[in-house]
């Protein structure tokens, strides 16, 4: 059903979506985890409340809303950044990097908030567990106990989310790519819908479905490799 020309068009758009999402993931993961750790260590303080409230607000707002706000402020009002992605394919040129700042920011907000919430919730639970009290009574400082024991147990939940995020970078973002003129899979899908190009639409739909299933599968399988205690089944 999918001819060579359909596959050629699709494969030419895929790297663009992957690179834009890869940039956002690489920026979002360290920032989100760091904010989550900071909020957990400052539990029940104004810092924790501020980070948790901001995280909840950011998660509640769709990414395309941030895209319009960022575009209005930085491209229209301040005129610091271009409205659309640069036509060049030199991914390390200043022109390209400058044009990718806004779409990367728009995609990063939600990912940062998600990792912040997950890390904060898991680390807060681990820090109040009994084995942490035992580690402190054995002479470890709070920092040593946190790094050696708490973070290790916290990563059991955080690392699968990271794996799933890297699988999901191939899916791109439909609305963000359209707003910033990114010639990726998302823009290709919307153009196929508007132009009633059914082969392209069917191919991208199957692709998005496969990416979602692969991401969920990788997350589930990775739990067993990270923590052998939760592997399903047992050797007999």
C-alpha atoms as a PDB file:
ATOM      1  CA  UNK A   1       0.000   0.000   0.000  1.00  0.00           C
ATOM      2  CA  UNK A   2       2.885   2.364   0.774  1.00  0.00           C
ATOM      3  CA  UNK A   3       4.930   2.972  -2.363  1.00  0.00           C
ATOM      4  CA  UNK A   4       8.591   3.890  -2.523  1.00  0.00           C
ATOM      5  CA  UNK A   5       7.770   7.556  -3.063  1.00  0.00           C
ATOM      6  CA  UNK A   6       5.667   7.599   0.127  1.00  0.00           C
ATOM      7  CA  UNK A   7       8.462   6.035   2.144  1.00  0.00           C
ATOM      8  CA  UNK A   8      11.012   8.411   0.606  1.00  0.00           C
ATOM      9  CA  UNK A   9       8.971  11.463   1.626  1.00  0.00           C
ATOM     10  CA  UNK A  10       8.461  10.091   5.135  1.00  0.00           C
ATOM     11  CA  UNK A  11      12.119   9.169   5.699  1.00  0.00           C
ATOM     12  CA  UNK A  12      13.253  12.593   4.481  1.00  0.00           C
ATOM     13  CA  UNK A  13      11.126  14.259   7.182  1.00  0.00           C
ATOM     14  CA  UNK A  14      11.964  11.896  10.059  1.00  0.00           C
ATOM     15  CA  UNK A  15      15.500  13.169  10.895  1.00  0.00           C
ATOM     16  CA  UNK A  16      14.255  16.748  11.302  1.00  0.00           C
ATOM     17  CA  UNK A  17      11.650  15.735  13.903  1.00  0.00           C
ATOM     18  CA  UNK A  18      14.157  13.540  15.717  1.00  0.00           C
ATOM     19  CA  UNK A  19      16.819  16.251  15.988  1.00  0.00           C
ATOM     20  CA  UNK A  20      14.423  18.923  17.283  1.00  0.00           C
ATOM     21  CA  UNK A  21      13.011  16.558  19.899  1.00  0.00           C
ATOM     22  CA  UNK A  22      16.489  15.261  20.773  1.00  0.00           C
ATOM     23  CA  UNK A  23      17.609  18.778  21.630  1.00  0.00           C
ATOM     24  CA  UNK A  24      14.594  19.292  23.885  1.00  0.00           C
ATOM     25  CA  UNK A  25      15.083  15.948  25.658  1.00  0.00           C
ATOM     26  CA  UNK A  26      18.799  16.510  26.281  1.00  0.00           C
ATOM     27  CA  UNK A  27      18.035  19.890  27.823  1.00  0.00           C
ATOM     28  CA  UNK A  28      14.950  18.795  29.770  1.00  0.00           C
ATOM     29  CA  UNK A  29      16.273  15.677  31.531  1.00  0.00           C
ATOM     30  CA  UNK A  30      19.072  17.238  33.648  1.00  0.00           C
ATOM     31  CA  UNK A  31      17.011  20.338  34.458  1.00  0.00           C
ATOM     32  CA  UNK A  32      13.909  18.332  35.429  1.00  0.00           C
ATOM     33  CA  UNK A  33      15.820  15.841  37.586  1.00  0.00           C
ATOM     34  CA  UNK A  34      17.818  18.613  39.274  1.00  0.00           C
ATOM     35  CA  UNK A  35      14.660  20.579  40.129  1.00  0.00           C
ATOM     36  CA  UNK A  36      12.992  17.407  41.444  1.00  0.00           C
ATOM     37  CA  UNK A  37      15.975  16.606  43.686  1.00  0.00           C
ATOM     38  CA  UNK A  38      16.129  20.180  44.953  1.00  0.00           C
ATOM     39  CA  UNK A  39      12.401  20.204  45.755  1.00  0.00           C
ATOM     40  CA  UNK A  40      12.629  16.857  47.580  1.00  0.00           C
ATOM     41  CA  UNK A  41      15.588  17.973  49.686  1.00  0.00           C
ATOM     42  CA  UNK A  42      13.714  21.184  50.570  1.00  0.00           C
ATOM     43  CA  UNK A  43      10.458  19.386  51.354  1.00  0.00           C
ATOM     44  CA  UNK A  44       7.726  21.476  53.016  1.00  0.00           C
ATOM     45  CA  UNK A  45       9.626  24.731  52.497  1.00  0.00           C
ATOM     46  CA  UNK A  46       8.632  27.656  50.287  1.00  0.00           C
ATOM     47  CA  UNK A  47      11.084  26.389  47.665  1.00  0.00           C
ATOM     48  CA  UNK A  48       9.306  23.034  47.500  1.00  0.00           C
ATOM     49  CA  UNK A  49       5.893  24.697  47.329  1.00  0.00           C
ATOM     50  CA  UNK A  50       7.053  27.085  44.586  1.00  0.00           C
ATOM     51  CA  UNK A  51       8.567  24.320  42.436  1.00  0.00           C
ATOM     52  CA  UNK A  52       5.567  22.002  42.935  1.00  0.00           C
ATOM     53  CA  UNK A  53       3.060  24.749  42.093  1.00  0.00           C
ATOM     54  CA  UNK A  54       4.987  25.823  39.018  1.00  0.00           C
ATOM     55  CA  UNK A  55       5.283  22.196  37.915  1.00  0.00           C
ATOM     56  CA  UNK A  56       1.534  21.669  38.230  1.00  0.00           C
ATOM     57  CA  UNK A  57       0.808  24.835  36.234  1.00  0.00           C
ATOM     58  CA  UNK A  58       3.279  23.945  33.474  1.00  0.00           C
ATOM     59  CA  UNK A  59       1.918  20.409  33.092  1.00  0.00           C
ATOM     60  CA  UNK A  60      -1.656  21.731  32.890  1.00  0.00           C
ATOM     61  CA  UNK A  61      -0.937  24.035  29.925  1.00  0.00           C
ATOM     62  CA  UNK A  62      -0.541  22.531  26.410  1.00  0.00           C
ATOM     63  CA  UNK A  63       2.806  23.008  24.693  1.00  0.00           C
ATOM     64  CA  UNK A  64       1.330  24.964  21.789  1.00  0.00           C
ATOM     65  CA  UNK A  65       0.217  27.681  24.240  1.00  0.00           C
ATOM     66  CA  UNK A  66       3.848  28.131  25.283  1.00  0.00           C
ATOM     67  CA  UNK A  67       4.790  28.136  21.603  1.00  0.00           C
ATOM     68  CA  UNK A  68       2.489  31.070  20.847  1.00  0.00           C
ATOM     69  CA  UNK A  69       3.629  32.987  23.947  1.00  0.00           C
ATOM     70  CA  UNK A  70       7.314  32.423  23.220  1.00  0.00           C
ATOM     71  CA  UNK A  71       6.853  33.350  19.586  1.00  0.00           C
ATOM     72  CA  UNK A  72       4.962  36.518  20.525  1.00  0.00           C
ATOM     73  CA  UNK A  73       7.551  37.646  23.086  1.00  0.00           C
ATOM     74  CA  UNK A  74      10.875  36.700  21.483  1.00  0.00           C
ATOM     75  CA  UNK A  75      10.040  36.911  17.781  1.00  0.00           C
ATOM     76  CA  UNK A  76       7.337  39.597  17.545  1.00  0.00           C
ATOM     77  CA  UNK A  77       7.940  41.948  20.481  1.00  0.00           C
ATOM     78  CA  UNK A  78      11.675  41.657  21.146  1.00  0.00           C
ATOM     79  CA  UNK A  79      12.611  40.429  17.641  1.00  0.00           C
ATOM     80  CA  UNK A  80      15.496  38.429  19.030  1.00  0.00           C
ATOM     81  CA  UNK A  81      14.640  35.165  17.266  1.00  0.00           C
ATOM     82  CA  UNK A  82      13.208  34.242  13.836  1.00  0.00           C
ATOM     83  CA  UNK A  83       9.570  33.192  13.584  1.00  0.00           C
ATOM     84  CA  UNK A  84      10.272  30.023  11.605  1.00  0.00           C
ATOM     85  CA  UNK A  85      12.975  27.382  11.390  1.00  0.00           C
ATOM     86  CA  UNK A  86      15.957  28.286   9.210  1.00  0.00           C
ATOM     87  CA  UNK A  87      15.947  26.679   5.728  1.00  0.00           C
ATOM     88  CA  UNK A  88      19.542  25.475   6.085  1.00  0.00           C
ATOM     89  CA  UNK A  89      20.329  21.899   7.139  1.00  0.00           C
ATOM     90  CA  UNK A  90      23.574  22.725   8.913  1.00  0.00           C
ATOM     91  CA  UNK A  91      22.418  21.709  12.398  1.00  0.00           C
ATOM     92  CA  UNK A  92      25.400  23.294  14.152  1.00  0.00           C
ATOM     93  CA  UNK A  93      25.308  26.665  12.436  1.00  0.00           C
ATOM     94  CA  UNK A  94      24.355  29.705  14.507  1.00  0.00           C
ATOM     95  CA  UNK A  95      21.427  30.439  12.171  1.00  0.00           C
ATOM     96  CA  UNK A  96      19.959  26.980  12.734  1.00  0.00           C
ATOM     97  CA  UNK A  97      20.577  26.969  16.494  1.00  0.00           C
ATOM     98  CA  UNK A  98      18.992  30.401  16.819  1.00  0.00           C
ATOM     99  CA  UNK A  99      15.881  29.307  14.922  1.00  0.00           C
ATOM    100  CA  UNK A 100      15.520  26.152  17.052  1.00  0.00           C
ATOM    101  CA  UNK A 101      15.568  27.923  20.413  1.00  0.00           C
ATOM    102  CA  UNK A 102      11.827  28.656  20.475  1.00  0.00           C
ATOM    103  CA  UNK A 103      10.544  25.210  19.382  1.00  0.00           C
ATOM    104  CA  UNK A 104      12.964  23.488  21.752  1.00  0.00           C
ATOM    105  CA  UNK A 105      11.790  25.718  24.619  1.00  0.00           C
ATOM    106  CA  UNK A 106       8.148  24.974  23.783  1.00  0.00           C
ATOM    107  CA  UNK A 107       8.748  21.223  23.822  1.00  0.00           C
ATOM    108  CA  UNK A 108      10.960  21.323  26.921  1.00  0.00           C
ATOM    109  CA  UNK A 109       8.581  22.935  29.413  1.00  0.00           C
ATOM    110  CA  UNK A 110       6.259  19.947  29.706  1.00  0.00           C
ATOM    111  CA  UNK A 111       9.115  17.414  29.787  1.00  0.00           C
ATOM    112  CA  UNK A 112      10.956  19.352  32.501  1.00  0.00           C
ATOM    113  CA  UNK A 113       7.789  19.544  34.600  1.00  0.00           C
ATOM    114  CA  UNK A 114       7.145  15.827  34.168  1.00  0.00           C
ATOM    115  CA  UNK A 115      10.625  14.790  35.280  1.00  0.00           C
ATOM    116  CA  UNK A 116      10.512  17.279  38.153  1.00  0.00           C
ATOM    117  CA  UNK A 117       7.256  15.843  39.471  1.00  0.00           C
ATOM    118  CA  UNK A 118       8.378  12.222  39.116  1.00  0.00           C
ATOM    119  CA  UNK A 119      11.787  12.780  40.699  1.00  0.00           C
ATOM    120  CA  UNK A 120      10.394  14.844  43.561  1.00  0.00           C
ATOM    121  CA  UNK A 121       7.681  12.296  44.377  1.00  0.00           C
ATOM    122  CA  UNK A 122      10.001   9.275  44.305  1.00  0.00           C
ATOM    123  CA  UNK A 123      12.887  10.900  46.148  1.00  0.00           C
ATOM    124  CA  UNK A 124      10.593  12.283  48.856  1.00  0.00           C
ATOM    125  CA  UNK A 125       9.245   8.781  49.509  1.00  0.00           C
ATOM    126  CA  UNK A 126      12.723   7.240  49.564  1.00  0.00           C
ATOM    127  CA  UNK A 127      14.133   9.870  51.932  1.00  0.00           C
ATOM    128  CA  UNK A 128      11.479   9.001  54.535  1.00  0.00           C
ATOM    129  CA  UNK A 129      11.998   5.227  54.311  1.00  0.00           C
ATOM    130  CA  UNK A 130      13.482   3.118  57.096  1.00  0.00           C
ATOM    131  CA  UNK A 131      16.690   2.123  55.299  1.00  0.00           C
ATOM    132  CA  UNK A 132      17.623   5.803  55.017  1.00  0.00           C
ATOM    133  CA  UNK A 133      17.339   6.122  58.792  1.00  0.00           C
ATOM    134  CA  UNK A 134      19.546   3.046  59.128  1.00  0.00           C
ATOM    135  CA  UNK A 135      22.122   4.579  56.774  1.00  0.00           C
ATOM    136  CA  UNK A 136      22.234   7.742  58.877  1.00  0.00           C
ATOM    137  CA  UNK A 137      22.645   5.774  62.117  1.00  0.00           C
ATOM    138  CA  UNK A 138      25.611   3.935  60.574  1.00  0.00           C
ATOM    139  CA  UNK A 139      27.470   7.225  60.295  1.00  0.00           C
ATOM    140  CA  UNK A 140      26.663   8.482  56.798  1.00  0.00           C
ATOM    141  CA  UNK A 141      25.947  12.158  56.359  1.00  0.00           C
ATOM    142  CA  UNK A 142      22.688  13.269  54.769  1.00  0.00           C
ATOM    143  CA  UNK A 143      24.463  13.997  51.486  1.00  0.00           C
ATOM    144  CA  UNK A 144      26.229  10.614  51.460  1.00  0.00           C
ATOM    145  CA  UNK A 145      23.031   8.714  52.253  1.00  0.00           C
ATOM    146  CA  UNK A 146      21.147  10.623  49.571  1.00  0.00           C
ATOM    147  CA  UNK A 147      23.732  10.001  46.850  1.00  0.00           C
ATOM    148  CA  UNK A 148      24.558   6.374  47.709  1.00  0.00           C
ATOM    149  CA  UNK A 149      21.122   5.050  48.592  1.00  0.00           C
ATOM    150  CA  UNK A 150      18.239   7.446  47.937  1.00  0.00           C
ATOM    151  CA  UNK A 151      19.208   8.408  44.381  1.00  0.00           C
ATOM    152  CA  UNK A 152      19.849   4.796  43.436  1.00  0.00           C
ATOM    153  CA  UNK A 153      16.343   3.760  44.483  1.00  0.00           C
ATOM    154  CA  UNK A 154      14.786   6.877  43.004  1.00  0.00           C
ATOM    155  CA  UNK A 155      16.320   6.148  39.587  1.00  0.00           C
ATOM    156  CA  UNK A 156      14.387   2.873  39.410  1.00  0.00           C
ATOM    157  CA  UNK A 157      11.357   4.944  38.402  1.00  0.00           C
ATOM    158  CA  UNK A 158      13.090   7.888  36.706  1.00  0.00           C
ATOM    159  CA  UNK A 159      15.360   5.955  34.308  1.00  0.00           C
ATOM    160  CA  UNK A 160      12.520   4.093  32.521  1.00  0.00           C
ATOM    161  CA  UNK A 161      10.886   7.471  31.893  1.00  0.00           C
ATOM    162  CA  UNK A 162      14.128   8.654  30.294  1.00  0.00           C
ATOM    163  CA  UNK A 163      14.263   5.576  28.048  1.00  0.00           C
ATOM    164  CA  UNK A 164      10.663   6.135  27.014  1.00  0.00           C
ATOM    165  CA  UNK A 165      11.383   9.777  26.233  1.00  0.00           C
ATOM    166  CA  UNK A 166      14.254   8.886  23.920  1.00  0.00           C
ATOM    167  CA  UNK A 167      12.038   6.429  22.058  1.00  0.00           C
ATOM    168  CA  UNK A 168       9.349   9.087  21.772  1.00  0.00           C
ATOM    169  CA  UNK A 169      11.655  11.655  20.124  1.00  0.00           C
ATOM    170  CA  UNK A 170      10.959  10.045  16.755  1.00  0.00           C
ATOM    171  CA  UNK A 171       7.292  10.946  17.032  1.00  0.00           C
ATOM    172  CA  UNK A 172       7.855  14.677  16.836  1.00  0.00           C
ATOM    173  CA  UNK A 173       5.154  17.175  17.682  1.00  0.00           C
ATOM    174  CA  UNK A 174       2.274  17.906  15.333  1.00  0.00           C
ATOM    175  CA  UNK A 175       1.328  21.395  16.465  1.00  0.00           C
ATOM    176  CA  UNK A 176       4.805  22.673  17.407  1.00  0.00           C
ATOM    177  CA  UNK A 177       6.252  21.688  14.039  1.00  0.00           C
ATOM    178  CA  UNK A 178       3.418  23.455  12.248  1.00  0.00           C
ATOM    179  CA  UNK A 179       3.736  26.654  14.325  1.00  0.00           C
ATOM    180  CA  UNK A 180       7.467  27.036  13.729  1.00  0.00           C
ATOM    181  CA  UNK A 181       7.525  25.737  10.160  1.00  0.00           C
ATOM    182  CA  UNK A 182       9.590  22.652  10.978  1.00  0.00           C
ATOM    183  CA  UNK A 183       9.569  20.284   7.966  1.00  0.00           C
ATOM    184  CA  UNK A 184       9.216  17.131  10.047  1.00  0.00           C
ATOM    185  CA  UNK A 185       6.813  14.234  10.463  1.00  0.00           C
ATOM    186  CA  UNK A 186       4.287  16.365  12.371  1.00  0.00           C
ATOM    187  CA  UNK A 187       4.009  18.927   9.584  1.00  0.00           C
ATOM    188  CA  UNK A 188       3.855  16.116   7.028  1.00  0.00           C
ATOM    189  CA  UNK A 189       0.905  14.562   8.882  1.00  0.00           C
ATOM    190  CA  UNK A 190      -1.051  17.809   9.042  1.00  0.00           C
ATOM    191  CA  UNK A 191      -0.399  18.518   5.361  1.00  0.00           C
ATOM    192  CA  UNK A 192      -1.577  15.006   4.514  1.00  0.00           C
ATOM    193  CA  UNK A 193      -4.803  15.588   6.457  1.00  0.00           C
ATOM    194  CA  UNK A 194      -5.460  18.926   4.771  1.00  0.00           C
ATOM    195  CA  UNK A 195      -4.586  17.585   1.322  1.00  0.00           C
ATOM    196  CA  UNK A 196      -6.389  14.256   1.826  1.00  0.00           C
ATOM    197  CA  UNK A 197      -3.202  12.355   1.091  1.00  0.00           C
ATOM    198  CA  UNK A 198      -4.357   9.048   2.537  1.00  0.00           C
ATOM    199  CA  UNK A 199      -1.176   6.961   2.007  1.00  0.00           C
ATOM    200  CA  UNK A 200       0.965   9.515   3.866  1.00  0.00           C
ATOM    201  CA  UNK A 201      -1.651   9.883   6.600  1.00  0.00           C
ATOM    202  CA  UNK A 202      -1.935   6.118   7.082  1.00  0.00           C
ATOM    203  CA  UNK A 203       1.855   5.737   7.190  1.00  0.00           C
ATOM    204  CA  UNK A 204       2.344   8.489   9.788  1.00  0.00           C
ATOM    205  CA  UNK A 205      -0.567   7.180  11.864  1.00  0.00           C
ATOM    206  CA  UNK A 206       0.939   3.681  11.920  1.00  0.00           C
ATOM    207  CA  UNK A 207       4.296   5.232  12.782  1.00  0.00           C
ATOM    208  CA  UNK A 208       2.902   7.199  15.736  1.00  0.00           C
ATOM    209  CA  UNK A 209       1.119   4.082  16.982  1.00  0.00           C
ATOM    210  CA  UNK A 210       4.306   2.009  16.720  1.00  0.00           C
ATOM    211  CA  UNK A 211       6.323   4.667  18.567  1.00  0.00           C
ATOM    212  CA  UNK A 212       3.767   4.742  21.404  1.00  0.00           C
ATOM    213  CA  UNK A 213       3.780   0.959  21.741  1.00  0.00           C
ATOM    214  CA  UNK A 214       7.580   0.739  21.549  1.00  0.00           C
ATOM    215  CA  UNK A 215       7.976   3.441  24.186  1.00  0.00           C
ATOM    216  CA  UNK A 216       5.613   1.657  26.608  1.00  0.00           C
ATOM    217  CA  UNK A 217       7.321  -1.685  25.937  1.00  0.00           C
ATOM    218  CA  UNK A 218      10.813  -0.294  26.561  1.00  0.00           C
ATOM    219  CA  UNK A 219       9.661   1.321  29.813  1.00  0.00           C
ATOM    220  CA  UNK A 220       8.101  -1.930  31.087  1.00  0.00           C
ATOM    221  CA  UNK A 221      11.095  -4.077  30.128  1.00  0.00           C
ATOM    222  CA  UNK A 222      13.622  -1.621  31.569  1.00  0.00           C
ATOM    223  CA  UNK A 223      12.083  -1.924  35.047  1.00  0.00           C
ATOM    224  CA  UNK A 224      13.277  -5.517  35.272  1.00  0.00           C
ATOM    225  CA  UNK A 225      16.816  -4.702  34.174  1.00  0.00           C
ATOM    226  CA  UNK A 226      17.160  -1.743  36.536  1.00  0.00           C
ATOM    227  CA  UNK A 227      15.735  -3.517  39.587  1.00  0.00           C
ATOM    228  CA  UNK A 228      15.834  -7.366  39.477  1.00  0.00           C
ATOM    229  CA  UNK A 229      13.406  -7.511  42.428  1.00  0.00           C
ATOM    230  CA  UNK A 230      10.504  -6.509  40.217  1.00  0.00           C
ATOM    231  CA  UNK A 231      11.146  -8.924  37.369  1.00  0.00           C
ATOM    232  CA  UNK A 232       8.094 -10.975  36.522  1.00  0.00           C
ATOM    233  CA  UNK A 233       8.368 -14.674  37.079  1.00  0.00           C
ATOM    234  CA  UNK A 234      11.159 -16.563  38.793  1.00  0.00           C
ATOM    235  CA  UNK A 235      13.695 -19.199  37.983  1.00  0.00           C
ATOM    236  CA  UNK A 236      12.742 -22.665  39.014  1.00  0.00           C
END
